[in-house]
Amino acid sequence: LDSSTPQPEAFVITSIYVVSSHNLNQRPWAVQLGRDLVWLKGAAMQLALLELLSWIALGLGLASSALIVADIRILGYHQPIKSLEFVWAVTGVYLGPAGIAAYRRWARPQSPRWQRRHGRPPARPRQIAILTGLCHCGAHCVLGVILGELVVSFSGVSVAGETLWASYISDYSGALVVGVTFRYITSVRRGRQRMRDAVVNVAKADLLGVTTFEIALFIWLAISHYVTGPEPATDPSSPVFWFVIQIGLASGFVVAWPATAWLVRRGVKMTPDHSPSRAR
């Protein structure tokens, strides 16, 4: 049996194995067989419920992202920095309705359209810098996970016989590559085209946040892999895998908050207008 075996067929095959493994010459076998089949049926139902929950969570994430995109692109609440529009859309994918709430409270009031209607919002540069910094790191990690899992899935590479360790390396590397790419594109728009500047900026402003984000994600992946079982929590073709990733990224958002706040206090993380945030 593997993850590609359909659930009904897997249940039947496993049931046949259970029957064949019992000694039919002993009377207690029927009682034990009944218990085993009940356990198998319960496990199959739990997996079905978990998959349903995963689809619901993923659907909420994608719907939240679509609503943020519609608010920006259709209703015209554009962000002062174009990259933030993409970042907030990605944030909705893993934070779901909480991402929408954060966007409406902190990002929407920064748009010129909102300010023309309601005036300038209260100045909260530190809170905005922390939140946008977290969302930036989260976007790097989301894209890094997608790139990393594609590499591991298509290459079949493993470390010490475990694809989980290979996923750790590829996901983290992918997040850093995405971070450097984001910074390089930003530097090009400002008239600077040096890759070295992008690497230095990532090391100064993003490395700590991305690392803490990824640590929380990796711990959650390890728990899902070793405690609840390797399948389907580490199978990228299963919705459960991406639900696990969703939870891990949401955990990373919380865990990375203190590190991001520390960078903001030092003036490393910037406000949306790219001025250092030192306000209380």
Protein backbone atom coordinates (compact mmCIF):
# COMPACT_ATOMS: atom_id res chain seq x y z
CA LEU A 1 0.00 0.00 0.00
CA ASP A 2 1.11 3.55 -0.68
CA SER A 3 -0.41 7.01 -0.80
CA SER A 4 -1.58 6.42 -4.39
CA THR A 5 -3.89 3.56 -3.36
CA PRO A 6 -7.51 4.81 -3.30
CA GLN A 7 -9.02 4.79 0.19
CA PRO A 8 -11.80 2.15 -0.41
CA GLU A 9 -9.37 -0.24 -2.11
CA ALA A 10 -6.83 0.32 0.65
CA PHE A 11 -9.43 -0.55 3.29
CA VAL A 12 -10.41 -3.77 1.48
CA ILE A 13 -6.80 -4.84 0.93
CA THR A 14 -5.90 -4.16 4.56
CA SER A 15 -9.00 -6.04 5.74
CA ILE A 16 -8.00 -9.10 3.69
CA TYR A 17 -4.53 -8.94 5.22
CA VAL A 18 -6.01 -8.79 8.72
CA VAL A 19 -8.23 -11.82 8.04
CA SER A 20 -5.36 -13.84 6.59
CA SER A 21 -3.11 -13.04 9.56
CA HIS A 22 -5.41 -14.72 12.08
CA ASN A 23 -5.31 -18.38 13.06
CA LEU A 24 -8.73 -19.67 12.02
CA ASN A 25 -8.29 -22.81 14.16
CA GLN A 26 -8.57 -20.76 17.34
CA ARG A 27 -11.98 -19.57 18.49
CA PRO A 28 -10.86 -16.11 19.78
CA TRP A 29 -9.84 -15.13 16.26
CA ALA A 30 -13.37 -13.98 15.40
CA VAL A 31 -13.49 -11.56 18.32
CA GLN A 32 -10.07 -10.13 17.51
CA LEU A 33 -10.93 -9.94 13.82
CA GLY A 34 -14.04 -7.95 14.62
CA ARG A 35 -12.04 -5.53 16.74
CA ASP A 36 -9.43 -5.08 14.01
CA LEU A 37 -12.05 -4.41 11.35
CA VAL A 38 -13.81 -1.88 13.58
CA TRP A 39 -10.46 -0.14 14.15
CA LEU A 40 -9.76 -0.11 10.41
CA LYS A 41 -13.17 1.37 9.67
CA GLY A 42 -12.65 4.03 12.33
CA ALA A 43 -9.23 4.90 10.93
CA ALA A 44 -10.67 5.20 7.42
CA MET A 45 -13.43 7.51 8.69
CA GLN A 46 -10.90 9.65 10.57
CA LEU A 47 -8.80 10.00 7.42
CA ALA A 48 -11.87 10.96 5.41
CA LEU A 49 -12.82 13.61 7.98
CA LEU A 50 -9.26 14.93 8.05
CA GLU A 51 -9.24 15.23 4.27
CA LEU A 52 -12.59 17.04 4.36
CA LEU A 53 -11.28 19.44 7.01
CA SER A 54 -8.16 19.99 4.91
CA TRP A 55 -10.19 20.87 1.83
CA ILE A 56 -12.31 23.29 3.85
CA ALA A 57 -9.23 25.02 5.32
CA LEU A 58 -7.53 25.24 1.93
CA GLY A 59 -10.72 26.55 0.36
CA LEU A 60 -11.00 29.25 3.03
CA GLY A 61 -7.39 30.23 2.43
CA LEU A 62 -7.78 30.51 -1.33
CA ALA A 63 -11.09 32.36 -0.97
CA SER A 64 -9.51 34.81 1.51
CA SER A 65 -6.64 35.43 -0.90
CA ALA A 66 -9.10 36.01 -3.76
CA LEU A 67 -11.08 38.53 -1.69
CA ILE A 68 -7.90 40.47 -0.87
CA VAL A 69 -6.90 40.49 -4.55
CA ALA A 70 -10.39 41.67 -5.54
CA ASP A 71 -10.30 44.46 -2.95
CA ILE A 72 -6.96 45.66 -4.31
CA ARG A 73 -7.35 45.14 -8.04
CA ILE A 74 -11.10 45.60 -8.57
CA LEU A 75 -12.14 48.00 -5.81
CA GLY A 76 -8.92 49.97 -6.19
CA TYR A 77 -7.41 49.83 -2.70
CA HIS A 78 -3.85 49.65 -4.03
CA GLN A 79 -0.96 49.52 -1.61
CA PRO A 80 1.73 52.23 -1.53
CA ILE A 81 4.26 49.54 -2.47
CA LYS A 82 3.26 47.17 -5.27
CA SER A 83 5.02 44.16 -3.76
CA LEU A 84 2.78 44.44 -0.67
CA GLU A 85 -0.25 43.64 -2.82
CA PHE A 86 1.24 40.26 -3.68
CA VAL A 87 2.42 39.74 -0.11
CA TRP A 88 -1.06 40.32 1.33
CA ALA A 89 -2.62 37.98 -1.22
CA VAL A 90 -0.21 35.23 -0.15
CA THR A 91 -0.92 35.99 3.52
CA GLY A 92 -4.58 35.24 2.94
CA VAL A 93 -3.68 31.76 1.68
CA TYR A 94 -2.34 30.53 5.02
CA LEU A 95 -4.07 32.85 7.52
CA GLY A 96 -7.49 32.67 5.87
CA PRO A 97 -10.14 34.94 7.44
CA ALA A 98 -7.56 36.16 9.98
CA GLY A 99 -5.50 37.39 7.02
CA ILE A 100 -8.50 39.32 5.71
CA ALA A 101 -9.03 40.91 9.14
CA ALA A 102 -5.36 41.94 9.35
CA TYR A 103 -5.44 43.31 5.82
CA ARG A 104 -8.56 45.39 6.43
CA ARG A 105 -7.26 46.82 9.69
CA TRP A 106 -3.64 47.52 8.80
CA ALA A 107 -3.15 47.46 5.03
CA ARG A 108 -6.35 48.87 3.55
CA PRO A 109 -6.04 52.21 5.43
CA GLN A 110 -2.60 52.69 3.83
CA SER A 111 -4.11 52.82 0.33
CA PRO A 112 -4.57 56.24 -1.34
CA ARG A 113 -8.23 55.42 -2.10
CA TRP A 114 -9.02 54.76 1.56
CA GLN A 115 -7.21 57.92 2.68
CA ARG A 116 -9.05 60.08 0.14
CA ARG A 117 -12.32 58.90 1.67
CA HIS A 118 -11.45 58.76 5.35
CA GLY A 119 -8.32 60.85 5.82
CA ARG A 120 -4.99 59.60 7.08
CA PRO A 121 -5.22 56.77 9.62
CA PRO A 122 -3.63 57.09 13.09
CA ALA A 123 0.16 56.90 12.86
CA ARG A 124 1.27 53.44 13.97
CA PRO A 125 4.55 52.93 12.13
CA ARG A 126 5.92 50.27 14.47
CA GLN A 127 2.85 48.03 14.34
CA ILE A 128 2.65 48.37 10.55
CA ALA A 129 6.36 47.64 10.15
CA ILE A 130 6.08 44.50 12.30
CA LEU A 131 3.04 43.21 10.45
CA THR A 132 4.37 43.90 6.96
CA GLY A 133 7.70 42.36 7.94
CA LEU A 134 5.95 39.20 9.13
CA CYS A 135 3.85 39.04 5.97
CA HIS A 136 6.95 39.46 3.81
CA CYS A 137 8.70 36.59 5.57
CA GLY A 138 5.55 34.48 5.35
CA ALA A 139 5.31 35.09 1.60
CA HIS A 140 8.94 34.02 1.18
CA CYS A 141 8.24 30.83 3.14
CA VAL A 142 5.05 30.00 1.23
CA LEU A 143 6.75 30.31 -2.15
CA GLY A 144 9.82 28.54 -0.78
CA VAL A 145 7.70 25.57 0.35
CA ILE A 146 6.03 25.32 -3.05
CA LEU A 147 9.36 25.45 -4.90
CA GLY A 148 11.05 23.11 -2.44
CA GLU A 149 8.32 20.49 -2.51
CA LEU A 150 8.25 20.54 -6.31
CA VAL A 151 11.99 19.88 -6.35
CA VAL A 152 11.77 17.04 -3.82
CA SER A 153 8.70 15.51 -5.44
CA PHE A 154 10.07 15.46 -8.99
CA SER A 155 13.65 14.57 -8.08
CA GLY A 156 12.80 11.95 -5.46
CA VAL A 157 15.80 13.10 -3.42
CA SER A 158 16.07 12.09 0.24
CA VAL A 159 18.48 12.68 3.12
CA ALA A 160 19.31 9.75 5.42
CA GLY A 161 16.47 7.87 3.78
CA GLU A 162 13.92 10.55 4.72
CA THR A 163 12.25 12.93 2.29
CA LEU A 164 11.33 15.10 5.29
CA TRP A 165 14.95 16.19 5.76
CA ALA A 166 15.26 16.90 2.05
CA SER A 167 12.11 19.02 2.30
CA TYR A 168 13.64 21.00 5.17
CA ILE A 169 16.70 21.87 3.11
CA SER A 170 14.82 22.64 -0.11
CA ASP A 171 12.05 24.64 1.61
CA TYR A 172 14.49 26.82 3.55
CA SER A 173 16.73 27.33 0.53
CA GLY A 174 13.69 28.19 -1.59
CA ALA A 175 12.53 30.79 0.94
CA LEU A 176 15.95 32.48 0.89
CA VAL A 177 16.07 32.44 -2.92
CA VAL A 178 12.62 34.04 -3.05
CA GLY A 179 13.73 36.65 -0.50
CA VAL A 180 16.80 37.58 -2.53
CA THR A 181 14.68 37.75 -5.70
CA PHE A 182 12.18 40.08 -4.03
CA ARG A 183 14.95 42.35 -2.78
CA TYR A 184 16.69 42.36 -6.16
CA ILE A 185 13.50 43.36 -7.98
CA THR A 186 12.99 46.16 -5.45
CA SER A 187 16.57 47.39 -5.91
CA VAL A 188 16.15 47.40 -9.71
CA ARG A 189 13.05 49.57 -9.36
CA ARG A 190 15.10 52.02 -7.31
CA GLY A 191 17.79 52.22 -9.97
CA ARG A 192 20.27 49.81 -8.34
CA GLN A 193 20.99 46.53 -10.09
CA ARG A 194 23.46 44.81 -7.79
CA MET A 195 22.71 41.29 -6.60
CA ARG A 196 25.11 41.87 -3.72
CA ASP A 197 22.78 44.57 -2.33
CA ALA A 198 19.85 42.16 -2.42
CA VAL A 199 21.80 39.45 -0.58
CA VAL A 200 23.00 41.90 2.08
CA ASN A 201 19.48 43.28 2.60
CA VAL A 202 18.04 39.79 3.00
CA ALA A 203 20.75 38.90 5.52
CA LYS A 204 20.06 42.06 7.53
CA ALA A 205 16.28 42.33 7.37
CA ASP A 206 14.81 38.95 6.43
CA LEU A 207 17.13 36.13 7.49
CA LEU A 208 16.12 36.10 11.16
CA GLY A 209 12.40 36.34 10.42
CA VAL A 210 12.47 33.67 7.71
CA THR A 211 14.53 31.36 9.92
CA THR A 212 12.14 31.59 12.88
CA PHE A 213 9.20 31.15 10.51
CA GLU A 214 10.77 28.01 9.06
CA ILE A 215 11.74 26.58 12.46
CA ALA A 216 8.11 26.71 13.60
CA LEU A 217 7.00 25.15 10.31
CA PHE A 218 9.62 22.38 10.52
CA ILE A 219 8.73 21.51 14.11
CA TRP A 220 5.09 21.16 13.14
CA LEU A 221 6.01 19.05 10.09
CA ALA A 222 8.09 16.77 12.32
CA ILE A 223 5.21 16.36 14.78
CA SER A 224 2.83 15.53 11.94
CA HIS A 225 5.34 13.10 10.40
CA TYR A 226 6.53 11.21 13.47
CA VAL A 227 3.49 11.42 15.75
CA THR A 228 0.47 11.20 13.46
CA GLY A 229 2.23 9.11 10.82
CA PRO A 230 4.18 9.83 7.63
CA GLU A 231 1.19 9.43 5.29
CA PRO A 232 -0.53 11.56 4.16
CA ALA A 233 1.09 14.38 6.16
CA THR A 234 4.22 14.33 3.97
CA ASP A 235 2.56 13.56 0.63
CA PRO A 236 2.34 16.76 -1.48
CA SER A 237 -0.46 15.23 -3.55
CA SER A 238 -2.69 15.04 -0.46
CA PRO A 239 -4.73 18.01 0.81
CA VAL A 240 -3.72 16.98 4.32
CA PHE A 241 -0.09 17.86 3.54
CA TRP A 242 -0.99 21.41 2.54
CA PHE A 243 -3.30 21.74 5.54
CA VAL A 244 -0.34 20.79 7.74
CA ILE A 245 1.76 23.41 5.91
CA GLN A 246 -1.01 25.97 6.49
CA ILE A 247 -0.98 25.33 10.23
CA GLY A 248 2.82 25.42 10.32
CA LEU A 249 2.93 28.78 8.53
CA ALA A 250 0.31 30.24 10.86
CA SER A 251 2.42 29.03 13.78
CA GLY A 252 5.49 30.60 12.19
CA PHE A 253 3.65 33.92 11.95
CA VAL A 254 3.21 33.90 15.73
CA VAL A 255 6.68 32.56 16.56
CA ALA A 256 8.43 35.10 14.29
CA TRP A 257 6.65 38.07 15.87
CA PRO A 258 9.22 38.74 18.67
CA ALA A 259 12.16 38.50 16.26
CA THR A 260 10.49 40.87 13.79
CA ALA A 261 9.61 43.32 16.57
CA TRP A 262 13.25 43.29 17.67
CA LEU A 263 14.38 44.10 14.11
CA VAL A 264 11.87 46.96 13.96
CA ARG A 265 13.13 48.41 17.25
CA ARG A 266 16.66 48.36 15.84
CA GLY A 267 15.46 50.22 12.75
CA VAL A 268 16.27 47.32 10.40
CA LYS A 269 12.69 46.66 9.33
CA MET A 270 11.06 49.59 7.58
CA THR A 271 7.60 51.11 7.44
CA PRO A 272 5.73 51.05 4.11
CA ASP A 273 7.33 54.35 3.11
CA HIS A 274 10.76 52.75 3.75
CA SER A 275 11.62 54.96 6.73
CA PRO A 276 13.05 53.29 9.85
CA SER A 277 10.39 52.68 12.48
CA ARG A 278 11.47 53.81 15.94
CA ALA A 279 8.13 55.10 17.19
CA ARG A 280 6.66 53.60 20.32
